[in-house]
Amino acid sequence: MLKFDVCRWIAGVSAVGTMLVLIGCSSSKPYTLVAQLQPLFQQARIVAATIDVTGDSCSARIMLLNSLKAWKPLCFVKKDQTTYKSFLIGGQEVDFGAVGNSFQVLSTTVPTLPAPASPNSAASSVDSGSGFPRQWNESPYPGHAVLEGQNSGFMVTKAILSVNGSQGILDVTYKVGYAPLHLECTVLANQHGDFTLMFNPTELTKLWPGAHYDIPLTSEGSSISGNIWDSRGFDTWTPSLPPQWTATSYSSD
């Protein structure tokens, strides 16, 4: 509380920029950089890559097809400007410059992605262009939310989606016949408040071949029960997950 009061007081003085930096306060709005990727059938390595930027902090996350856990290298903000950004990602400085409506990596050296899990992996035959992404778009920060599935049907006893920036965790329990789910996903957001959940196709194929791994959640705004989202694509899962989700907690920051 004390830090909040100090930050609010400093915001009213003339030397805002210098003093905010000195005590660690930030007036910048959180955002996410989302990598522009080739379709999986062309590059067969990266499912999704994001960098969440919240003030002086950042969090990098790259979901690789050959790994069930996303790669999360340490990330530090060095410079964050409208047309130029610099981050320290996995110990490697990566500079981004604005090109049109997107950002392009300016650095000649970039972080090295983890190697494929085995030499027989499909990712081992991918060409050298499948390394750290070069093109990125700035996107709204997904925020923090806990969504609970509604109208779950006969099989599902509980479905919870926890959103923490661009990382999501889906936890589902069933009445009988199916083991509980605990799945990571990448969460993307847009200006309308919609979410897109991107799961690892490798993991889903083991559970339900042919199930959609990118799931749009369309925001329907607020209701008596809170903010609600309608899902598309969960009906390809077996058993299917709830068609509607309600936020039990939600923050855009």
Protein backbone atom coordinates (compact mmCIF):
# COMPACT_ATOMS: atom_id res chain seq x y z
CA MET A 1 0.00 0.00 0.00
CA LEU A 2 2.82 2.38 0.85
CA LYS A 3 4.51 1.81 -2.50
CA PHE A 4 1.22 2.48 -4.32
CA ASP A 5 0.73 5.75 -2.45
CA VAL A 6 4.29 6.84 -3.22
CA CYS A 7 3.88 6.01 -6.92
CA ARG A 8 0.61 7.95 -7.09
CA TRP A 9 2.20 10.98 -5.41
CA ILE A 10 5.21 10.91 -7.74
CA ALA A 11 2.93 10.80 -10.79
CA GLY A 12 1.85 14.33 -9.91
CA VAL A 13 5.28 15.94 -9.79
CA SER A 14 7.20 17.38 -12.71
CA ALA A 15 10.12 14.90 -12.79
CA VAL A 16 7.87 11.89 -13.38
CA GLY A 17 10.10 9.90 -15.75
CA THR A 18 13.26 10.00 -13.65
CA MET A 19 11.61 9.39 -10.30
CA LEU A 20 9.44 6.52 -11.54
CA VAL A 21 12.56 4.72 -12.70
CA LEU A 22 14.35 5.34 -9.42
CA ILE A 23 11.71 3.62 -7.26
CA GLY A 24 10.52 1.04 -9.80
CA CYS A 25 7.04 2.44 -10.57
CA SER A 26 5.75 2.12 -14.13
CA SER A 27 2.94 3.89 -15.96
CA SER A 28 3.18 1.77 -19.13
CA LYS A 29 0.30 -0.50 -20.02
CA PRO A 30 1.11 -4.24 -20.13
CA TYR A 31 1.23 -5.84 -23.57
CA THR A 32 2.30 -9.07 -25.26
CA LEU A 33 4.57 -9.59 -28.24
CA VAL A 34 3.32 -12.53 -30.31
CA ALA A 35 5.59 -14.21 -32.86
CA GLN A 36 4.47 -14.45 -36.47
CA LEU A 37 5.00 -18.11 -37.35
CA GLN A 38 4.77 -20.28 -40.42
CA PRO A 39 2.09 -23.01 -40.25
CA LEU A 40 3.23 -26.13 -38.43
CA PHE A 41 3.26 -28.22 -41.60
CA GLN A 42 5.92 -25.83 -42.96
CA GLN A 43 8.16 -25.39 -39.93
CA ALA A 44 7.11 -28.23 -37.57
CA ARG A 45 8.80 -26.81 -34.48
CA ILE A 46 7.21 -23.78 -32.77
CA VAL A 47 3.53 -23.87 -31.84
CA ALA A 48 3.46 -20.40 -30.25
CA ALA A 49 5.91 -17.81 -28.89
CA THR A 50 5.08 -14.83 -26.67
CA ILE A 51 6.81 -12.16 -24.60
CA ASP A 52 4.67 -10.57 -21.88
CA VAL A 53 5.86 -7.09 -20.90
CA THR A 54 4.56 -5.58 -17.68
CA GLY A 55 6.39 -2.39 -16.77
CA ASP A 56 10.06 -3.20 -16.17
CA SER A 57 9.43 -6.97 -16.17
CA CYS A 58 9.03 -9.44 -19.02
CA SER A 59 8.26 -13.12 -19.40
CA ALA A 60 9.21 -15.11 -22.52
CA ARG A 61 7.45 -18.35 -23.38
CA ILE A 62 7.91 -20.60 -26.43
CA MET A 63 5.78 -23.71 -26.93
CA LEU A 64 7.71 -26.33 -28.89
CA LEU A 65 6.02 -29.20 -30.70
CA ASN A 66 8.57 -31.73 -29.45
CA SER A 67 8.24 -30.75 -25.77
CA LEU A 68 5.20 -31.01 -23.52
CA LYS A 69 6.50 -28.13 -21.37
CA ALA A 70 6.95 -24.66 -22.82
CA TRP A 71 10.48 -23.21 -22.84
CA LYS A 72 10.58 -20.25 -20.44
CA PRO A 73 13.99 -18.55 -20.54
CA LEU A 74 14.69 -15.76 -18.05
CA CYS A 75 13.66 -12.38 -19.47
CA PHE A 76 14.66 -8.85 -18.47
CA VAL A 77 13.62 -5.51 -19.99
CA LYS A 78 16.58 -3.36 -21.05
CA LYS A 79 14.71 -0.76 -23.12
CA ASP A 80 11.03 -0.42 -24.02
CA GLN A 81 10.14 2.31 -26.49
CA THR A 82 7.41 2.75 -29.07
CA THR A 83 9.58 1.80 -32.02
CA TYR A 84 12.50 0.04 -30.32
CA LYS A 85 12.66 -2.66 -27.67
CA SER A 86 15.52 -4.57 -26.12
CA PHE A 87 15.24 -7.62 -23.88
CA LEU A 88 17.71 -9.98 -22.27
CA ILE A 89 16.27 -13.42 -23.07
CA GLY A 90 18.05 -16.50 -21.80
CA GLY A 91 21.20 -14.44 -21.28
CA GLN A 92 21.15 -13.15 -24.87
CA GLU A 93 20.34 -9.52 -25.74
CA VAL A 94 17.59 -9.35 -28.37
CA ASP A 95 16.72 -6.01 -30.01
CA PHE A 96 13.43 -5.35 -31.81
CA GLY A 97 12.71 -2.51 -34.23
CA ALA A 98 9.32 -1.40 -35.57
CA VAL A 99 8.74 -2.24 -39.22
CA GLY A 100 5.29 -1.16 -40.34
CA ASN A 101 2.75 -2.55 -37.86
CA SER A 102 5.05 -5.22 -36.46
CA PHE A 103 8.49 -5.64 -34.87
CA GLN A 104 11.52 -7.30 -36.42
CA VAL A 105 14.48 -8.78 -34.56
CA LEU A 106 17.52 -6.60 -35.27
CA SER A 107 20.10 -8.71 -33.46
CA THR A 108 22.44 -10.88 -35.51
CA THR A 109 22.60 -13.44 -32.69
CA VAL A 110 19.49 -14.73 -30.94
CA PRO A 111 18.71 -17.30 -28.20
CA THR A 112 19.17 -20.93 -29.20
CA LEU A 113 16.01 -22.99 -28.82
CA PRO A 114 16.25 -26.27 -26.87
CA ALA A 115 17.20 -29.28 -28.98
CA PRO A 116 14.58 -31.85 -30.00
CA ALA A 117 13.82 -34.49 -27.39
CA SER A 118 15.24 -37.28 -29.57
CA PRO A 119 17.00 -37.62 -32.93
CA ASN A 120 13.93 -39.42 -34.26
CA SER A 121 11.73 -36.44 -33.52
CA ALA A 122 10.10 -34.73 -36.49
CA ALA A 123 11.65 -31.46 -35.31
CA SER A 124 15.17 -32.83 -35.89
CA SER A 125 14.72 -32.53 -39.65
CA VAL A 126 13.49 -28.93 -39.54
CA ASP A 127 15.57 -26.40 -41.47
CA SER A 128 17.61 -23.70 -39.78
CA GLY A 129 14.86 -21.13 -40.34
CA SER A 130 12.84 -22.63 -37.50
CA GLY A 131 14.96 -20.99 -34.78
CA PHE A 132 14.07 -17.99 -32.65
CA PRO A 133 11.23 -16.08 -34.42
CA ARG A 134 12.18 -12.91 -36.30
CA GLN A 135 8.79 -11.21 -36.74
CA TRP A 136 6.52 -10.22 -33.84
CA ASN A 137 3.23 -8.37 -33.40
CA GLU A 138 2.21 -6.31 -30.39
CA SER A 139 -1.01 -7.66 -28.86
CA PRO A 140 -3.16 -6.88 -25.78
CA TYR A 141 -1.97 -8.45 -22.54
CA PRO A 142 -4.34 -11.33 -21.64
CA GLY A 143 -4.38 -10.30 -17.97
CA HIS A 144 -5.14 -12.62 -15.09
CA ALA A 145 -8.31 -14.68 -14.84
CA VAL A 146 -9.81 -17.86 -13.48
CA LEU A 147 -12.55 -19.18 -15.78
CA GLU A 148 -14.94 -21.92 -14.75
CA GLY A 149 -16.76 -24.04 -17.32
CA GLN A 150 -20.57 -23.87 -17.30
CA ASN A 151 -23.15 -26.45 -18.47
CA SER A 152 -20.49 -29.12 -18.21
CA GLY A 153 -22.73 -32.01 -19.24
CA PHE A 154 -22.74 -35.54 -17.85
CA MET A 155 -19.03 -36.52 -17.84
CA VAL A 156 -17.23 -33.36 -16.68
CA THR A 157 -17.42 -32.61 -12.96
CA LYS A 158 -15.27 -29.46 -13.03
CA ALA A 159 -13.32 -27.47 -15.62
CA ILE A 160 -11.08 -24.57 -14.61
CA LEU A 161 -8.92 -22.43 -16.91
CA SER A 162 -6.32 -20.29 -15.13
CA VAL A 163 -4.91 -17.42 -17.20
CA ASN A 164 -1.69 -15.74 -16.11
CA GLY A 165 -0.64 -13.49 -18.96
CA SER A 166 0.04 -15.61 -22.04
CA GLN A 167 0.22 -18.82 -20.01
CA GLY A 168 -2.90 -20.85 -19.38
CA ILE A 169 -3.49 -23.99 -17.33
CA LEU A 170 -6.54 -26.15 -17.99
CA ASP A 171 -7.62 -28.45 -15.15
CA VAL A 172 -10.52 -30.85 -15.75
CA THR A 173 -11.94 -33.65 -13.64
CA TYR A 174 -14.38 -36.32 -14.83
CA LYS A 175 -16.92 -38.55 -13.12
CA VAL A 176 -15.68 -41.86 -14.53
CA GLY A 177 -13.49 -43.36 -17.22
CA TYR A 178 -11.06 -40.51 -17.87
CA ALA A 179 -7.98 -39.35 -16.00
CA PRO A 180 -7.94 -35.72 -14.82
CA LEU A 181 -6.41 -33.20 -17.22
CA HIS A 182 -3.69 -30.69 -16.40
CA LEU A 183 -2.71 -29.07 -19.69
CA GLU A 184 -0.57 -26.02 -20.43
CA CYS A 185 -1.60 -23.69 -23.23
CA THR A 186 -0.63 -20.35 -24.73
CA VAL A 187 -3.24 -17.61 -24.29
CA LEU A 188 -3.59 -14.82 -26.86
CA ALA A 189 -5.97 -11.87 -26.52
CA ASN A 190 -7.44 -9.18 -28.77
CA GLN A 191 -8.93 -5.72 -28.30
CA HIS A 192 -12.46 -7.14 -28.00
CA GLY A 193 -11.51 -9.27 -25.00
CA ASP A 194 -11.56 -12.59 -26.88
CA PHE A 195 -9.05 -15.30 -26.02
CA THR A 196 -7.40 -17.89 -28.24
CA LEU A 197 -6.03 -20.95 -26.45
CA MET A 198 -3.25 -22.85 -28.22
CA PHE A 199 -2.50 -26.34 -26.88
CA ASN A 200 0.38 -28.57 -27.91
CA PRO A 201 -0.81 -30.78 -30.81
CA THR A 202 1.61 -33.54 -29.76
CA GLU A 203 -0.01 -33.78 -26.35
CA LEU A 204 -3.57 -33.64 -27.68
CA THR A 205 -2.91 -36.28 -30.35
CA LYS A 206 -1.97 -38.74 -27.61
CA LEU A 207 -5.28 -38.06 -25.87
CA TRP A 208 -7.70 -37.44 -28.75
CA PRO A 209 -6.44 -37.75 -32.34
CA GLY A 210 -7.95 -35.03 -34.50
CA ALA A 211 -8.94 -32.75 -31.63
CA HIS A 212 -8.58 -29.01 -32.29
CA TYR A 213 -5.56 -27.56 -30.54
CA ASP A 214 -6.45 -23.88 -31.11
CA ILE A 215 -9.62 -22.94 -29.24
CA PRO A 216 -11.27 -19.51 -29.62
CA LEU A 217 -13.06 -18.15 -26.54
CA THR A 218 -15.37 -15.35 -27.66
CA SER A 219 -16.12 -12.68 -25.07
CA GLU A 220 -19.83 -12.07 -24.55
CA GLY A 221 -19.22 -9.27 -22.03
CA SER A 222 -20.54 -9.23 -18.49
CA SER A 223 -23.66 -10.84 -17.08
CA ILE A 224 -25.15 -11.37 -13.64
CA SER A 225 -22.67 -14.17 -13.06
CA GLY A 226 -19.68 -12.11 -14.25
CA ASN A 227 -17.70 -11.95 -17.51
CA ILE A 228 -18.51 -14.83 -19.85
CA TRP A 229 -16.85 -16.43 -22.89
CA ASP A 230 -18.24 -18.89 -25.46
CA SER A 231 -15.86 -21.61 -26.67
CA ARG A 232 -15.43 -23.15 -30.12
CA GLY A 233 -13.41 -26.29 -30.72
CA PHE A 234 -13.79 -28.03 -27.37
CA ASP A 235 -16.57 -30.10 -28.97
CA THR A 236 -13.84 -32.03 -30.85
CA TRP A 237 -12.43 -33.29 -27.55
CA THR A 238 -13.66 -36.54 -26.00
CA PRO A 239 -15.58 -36.00 -23.88
CA SER A 240 -16.28 -32.46 -24.98
CA LEU A 241 -15.59 -29.57 -22.59
CA PRO A 242 -18.10 -26.90 -21.56
CA PRO A 243 -19.33 -24.50 -24.28
CA GLN A 244 -19.40 -21.49 -21.95
CA TRP A 245 -16.96 -20.13 -19.36
CA THR A 246 -17.50 -17.62 -16.55
CA ALA A 247 -14.78 -15.66 -14.77
CA THR A 248 -14.65 -16.24 -11.02
CA SER A 249 -11.83 -13.66 -10.94
CA TYR A 250 -10.56 -11.31 -13.65
CA SER A 251 -8.03 -8.51 -14.05
CA SER A 252 -6.83 -6.97 -17.32
CA ASP A 253 -3.44 -6.04 -15.78
